[in-house]
Amino acid sequence: MKRFVTFVVNHCLQKGYITSEQAPWLQYGLEKRLSTVFGTAAFLIFGLMISSAGTTLSCCLSFYILRSRTNGYHAKTVWGCFLSSLLWEYIFLVVLGRGLDTLAVFCLLLISGGIICVLAPYNHPNMGLSHEEILACGKSAKVRRGVLLLANGLAYWFEFDSVWKGISLGVAMAATMLAFAYLQNRRILNEKANCFPEHD
């Protein structure tokens, strides 16, 4: 994939579509989007092999809706990211999805929603979000979390069991990866804690 992206970037440079200053930006953008497309496809295919279609699709959709605003754990390599994503998916869809009862799943959903509300977003060192971008992502994450909680409640009300379970697991997976990123970098977690004013 990297060779293909490099070929495209070099072609765009030769044709004058971009300048040499824009080349790194295009390289990063193409690599990120292609890895997202291939990763999502693998995520869905693997999920459909280990769980029902309703649970897999609702889990993946809710995860990506939140992940794009919360950010979270990133492996150091593309292959590490790919394999860890499949491992997380297996843990949530199979281990937790089949092992927890309804009450436990809803408790997991509420705890995960709280984690997202407090910690989102994670400002990964490679991203370097500005203060304004952090605030905007945090607000968007809270709104998306609220929409997913509402969708989850409606799915439960109308007895779409696979859907509400999938949404719950997707929210929990996004929250877990968010918390895991902070645990890896306790310095940022401490900075986040210092953002809350002390009350007398």
Protein backbone atom coordinates (compact mmCIF):
# COMPACT_ATOMS: atom_id res chain seq x y z
CA MET A 1 0.00 0.00 0.00
CA LYS A 2 2.82 2.39 0.87
CA ARG A 3 4.40 1.85 -2.57
CA PHE A 4 1.11 2.57 -4.28
CA VAL A 5 0.60 5.77 -2.28
CA THR A 6 4.16 6.89 -3.02
CA PHE A 7 3.57 6.22 -6.73
CA VAL A 8 0.39 8.33 -6.69
CA VAL A 9 2.09 11.18 -4.82
CA ASN A 10 5.07 11.17 -7.22
CA HIS A 11 2.70 11.13 -10.20
CA CYS A 12 0.83 14.15 -8.79
CA LEU A 13 4.13 15.96 -8.27
CA GLN A 14 5.27 15.25 -11.84
CA LYS A 15 1.96 16.45 -13.28
CA GLY A 16 2.07 19.60 -11.16
CA TYR A 17 -1.17 18.80 -9.33
CA ILE A 18 0.55 19.45 -5.99
CA THR A 19 3.67 21.23 -4.78
CA SER A 20 6.55 19.54 -2.95
CA GLU A 21 5.29 21.15 0.29
CA GLN A 22 1.90 19.48 -0.18
CA ALA A 23 3.37 16.02 -0.89
CA PRO A 24 3.74 14.89 2.77
CA TRP A 25 0.16 15.98 3.50
CA LEU A 26 -1.16 14.04 0.49
CA GLN A 27 0.95 10.99 1.43
CA TYR A 28 -0.43 10.99 4.98
CA GLY A 29 -4.01 11.59 3.85
CA LEU A 30 -3.97 8.78 1.28
CA GLU A 31 -2.31 6.31 3.65
CA LYS A 32 -4.81 7.09 6.38
CA ARG A 33 -7.87 6.78 4.14
CA LEU A 34 -6.72 3.60 2.42
CA SER A 35 -5.83 1.95 5.73
CA THR A 36 -9.26 2.99 7.06
CA VAL A 37 -11.04 1.45 4.06
CA PHE A 38 -9.11 -1.83 4.21
CA GLY A 39 -9.26 -1.94 8.01
CA THR A 40 -13.01 -1.36 8.04
CA ALA A 41 -13.58 -4.08 5.44
CA ALA A 42 -11.50 -6.56 7.45
CA PHE A 43 -13.24 -5.47 10.66
CA LEU A 44 -16.67 -6.15 9.12
CA ILE A 45 -15.73 -9.46 7.50
CA PHE A 46 -14.15 -10.76 10.70
CA GLY A 47 -17.11 -9.54 12.75
CA LEU A 48 -19.60 -11.29 10.49
CA MET A 49 -17.63 -14.52 10.95
CA ILE A 50 -17.83 -14.40 14.75
CA SER A 51 -21.15 -12.67 15.44
CA SER A 52 -24.54 -11.84 13.93
CA ALA A 53 -24.89 -9.26 11.17
CA GLY A 54 -26.99 -6.91 13.31
CA THR A 55 -24.57 -6.93 16.21
CA THR A 56 -21.49 -6.61 14.01
CA LEU A 57 -22.83 -3.74 11.88
CA SER A 58 -24.23 -1.75 14.81
CA CYS A 59 -21.06 -2.33 16.83
CA CYS A 60 -18.74 -1.23 14.00
CA LEU A 61 -20.90 1.77 13.10
CA SER A 62 -21.20 3.05 16.67
CA PHE A 63 -17.48 2.48 17.24
CA TYR A 64 -16.45 4.47 14.15
CA ILE A 65 -18.96 7.24 14.87
CA LEU A 66 -17.32 7.76 18.27
CA ARG A 67 -13.73 6.90 17.40
CA SER A 68 -13.51 9.68 14.80
CA ARG A 69 -14.08 12.19 17.63
CA THR A 70 -12.67 10.48 20.72
CA ASN A 71 -9.47 9.10 19.18
CA GLY A 72 -7.73 6.58 21.42
CA TYR A 73 -5.12 3.85 21.42
CA HIS A 74 -2.90 3.56 18.33
CA ALA A 75 -0.41 0.76 17.78
CA LYS A 76 3.06 1.77 16.63
CA THR A 77 2.80 0.05 13.22
CA VAL A 78 0.06 -0.44 10.65
CA TRP A 79 0.13 -4.21 11.14
CA GLY A 80 0.06 -3.77 14.90
CA CYS A 81 -2.98 -1.53 14.56
CA PHE A 82 -4.68 -4.02 12.25
CA LEU A 83 -4.08 -7.04 14.48
CA SER A 84 -4.93 -5.23 17.71
CA SER A 85 -8.19 -4.00 16.16
CA LEU A 86 -9.20 -7.57 15.35
CA LEU A 87 -8.26 -8.67 18.87
CA TRP A 88 -10.36 -5.88 20.45
CA GLU A 89 -13.24 -6.82 18.17
CA TYR A 90 -13.02 -10.45 19.20
CA ILE A 91 -12.93 -9.54 22.90
CA PHE A 92 -16.00 -7.33 22.66
CA LEU A 93 -18.15 -9.32 20.22
CA VAL A 94 -17.36 -12.82 21.49
CA VAL A 95 -16.03 -12.66 25.05
CA LEU A 96 -18.19 -9.79 26.32
CA GLY A 97 -21.03 -10.02 23.78
CA ARG A 98 -21.80 -13.62 24.62
CA GLY A 99 -20.77 -13.57 28.27
CA LEU A 100 -22.73 -10.63 29.66
CA ASP A 101 -26.42 -10.49 30.47
CA THR A 102 -28.68 -7.54 29.63
CA LEU A 103 -28.11 -5.65 32.88
CA ALA A 104 -24.34 -6.04 32.62
CA VAL A 105 -24.35 -4.75 29.03
CA PHE A 106 -26.34 -1.66 30.04
CA CYS A 107 -24.00 -1.02 33.00
CA LEU A 108 -21.07 -1.29 30.59
CA LEU A 109 -22.78 1.20 28.29
CA LEU A 110 -23.33 3.75 31.08
CA ILE A 111 -19.76 3.45 32.38
CA SER A 112 -18.42 3.79 28.83
CA GLY A 113 -20.57 6.85 28.20
CA GLY A 114 -19.14 8.45 31.34
CA ILE A 115 -15.57 7.70 30.25
CA ILE A 116 -16.21 9.33 26.87
CA CYS A 117 -17.83 12.35 28.51
CA VAL A 118 -14.83 12.93 30.80
CA LEU A 119 -11.83 11.89 28.68
CA ALA A 120 -12.70 12.59 25.03
CA PRO A 121 -10.79 13.42 22.97
CA TYR A 122 -7.32 11.93 23.33
CA ASN A 123 -4.82 14.31 21.77
CA HIS A 124 -2.33 11.89 20.27
CA PRO A 125 1.18 13.41 20.02
CA ASN A 126 1.18 12.84 16.24
CA MET A 127 -2.06 14.80 15.84
CA GLY A 128 -1.21 17.92 17.82
CA LEU A 129 -4.76 19.23 18.16
CA SER A 130 -5.14 22.88 19.15
CA HIS A 131 -7.11 23.84 22.25
CA GLU A 132 -10.06 24.86 20.05
CA GLU A 133 -9.95 21.55 18.16
CA ILE A 134 -9.87 19.61 21.43
CA LEU A 135 -12.94 21.48 22.68
CA ALA A 136 -14.77 20.92 19.36
CA CYS A 137 -13.96 17.19 19.30
CA GLY A 138 -15.00 16.83 22.94
CA LYS A 139 -18.33 18.52 22.30
CA SER A 140 -18.94 16.45 19.16
CA ALA A 141 -18.08 13.23 21.03
CA LYS A 142 -20.66 14.06 23.71
CA VAL A 143 -23.33 14.77 21.08
CA ARG A 144 -22.57 11.53 19.23
CA ARG A 145 -22.59 9.60 22.49
CA GLY A 146 -26.03 11.06 23.25
CA VAL A 147 -27.37 10.12 19.81
CA LEU A 148 -26.06 6.56 20.21
CA LEU A 149 -27.60 6.26 23.68
CA LEU A 150 -30.94 7.36 22.23
CA ALA A 151 -30.61 4.91 19.32
CA ASN A 152 -29.70 2.20 21.80
CA GLY A 153 -32.79 2.93 23.90
CA LEU A 154 -35.05 2.82 20.84
CA ALA A 155 -33.50 -0.46 19.65
CA TYR A 156 -34.09 -1.94 23.10
CA TRP A 157 -37.68 -0.61 23.21
CA PHE A 158 -38.49 -2.17 19.82
CA GLU A 159 -36.70 -5.40 20.82
CA PHE A 160 -33.94 -5.25 18.20
CA ASP A 161 -31.70 -7.24 20.51
CA SER A 162 -28.72 -7.61 18.19
CA VAL A 163 -28.73 -3.87 17.43
CA TRP A 164 -28.85 -2.51 20.99
CA LYS A 165 -26.23 -5.03 22.07
CA GLY A 166 -24.01 -4.04 19.14
CA ILE A 167 -24.35 -0.32 19.90
CA SER A 168 -23.52 -0.96 23.56
CA LEU A 169 -20.44 -2.98 22.63
CA GLY A 170 -19.30 -0.39 20.06
CA VAL A 171 -19.56 2.44 22.59
CA ALA A 172 -17.74 0.32 25.17
CA MET A 173 -14.96 -0.52 22.71
CA ALA A 174 -14.44 3.15 21.81
CA ALA A 175 -14.36 4.09 25.50
CA THR A 176 -11.92 1.29 26.33
CA MET A 177 -9.50 2.31 23.60
CA LEU A 178 -9.79 5.93 24.74
CA ALA A 179 -9.02 5.02 28.35
CA PHE A 180 -6.21 2.67 27.26
CA ALA A 181 -4.53 5.51 25.35
CA TYR A 182 -4.55 7.68 28.48
CA LEU A 183 -3.20 4.85 30.61
CA GLN A 184 -0.33 4.49 28.15
CA ASN A 185 0.44 8.17 28.49
CA ARG A 186 -0.26 9.10 32.10
CA ARG A 187 1.20 12.58 31.57
CA ILE A 188 -1.70 13.54 29.32
CA LEU A 189 -4.14 11.96 31.79
CA ASN A 190 -2.70 14.15 34.55
CA GLU A 191 -3.02 17.22 32.34
CA LYS A 192 -6.65 16.29 31.67
CA ALA A 193 -7.31 15.96 35.41
CA ASN A 194 -5.81 19.40 36.02
CA CYS A 195 -8.35 20.92 33.62
CA PHE A 196 -11.07 20.45 36.25
CA PRO A 197 -11.12 23.30 38.78
CA GLU A 198 -10.93 22.36 42.42
CA HIS A 199 -13.99 23.06 44.53
CA ASP A 200 -13.76 24.29 48.10
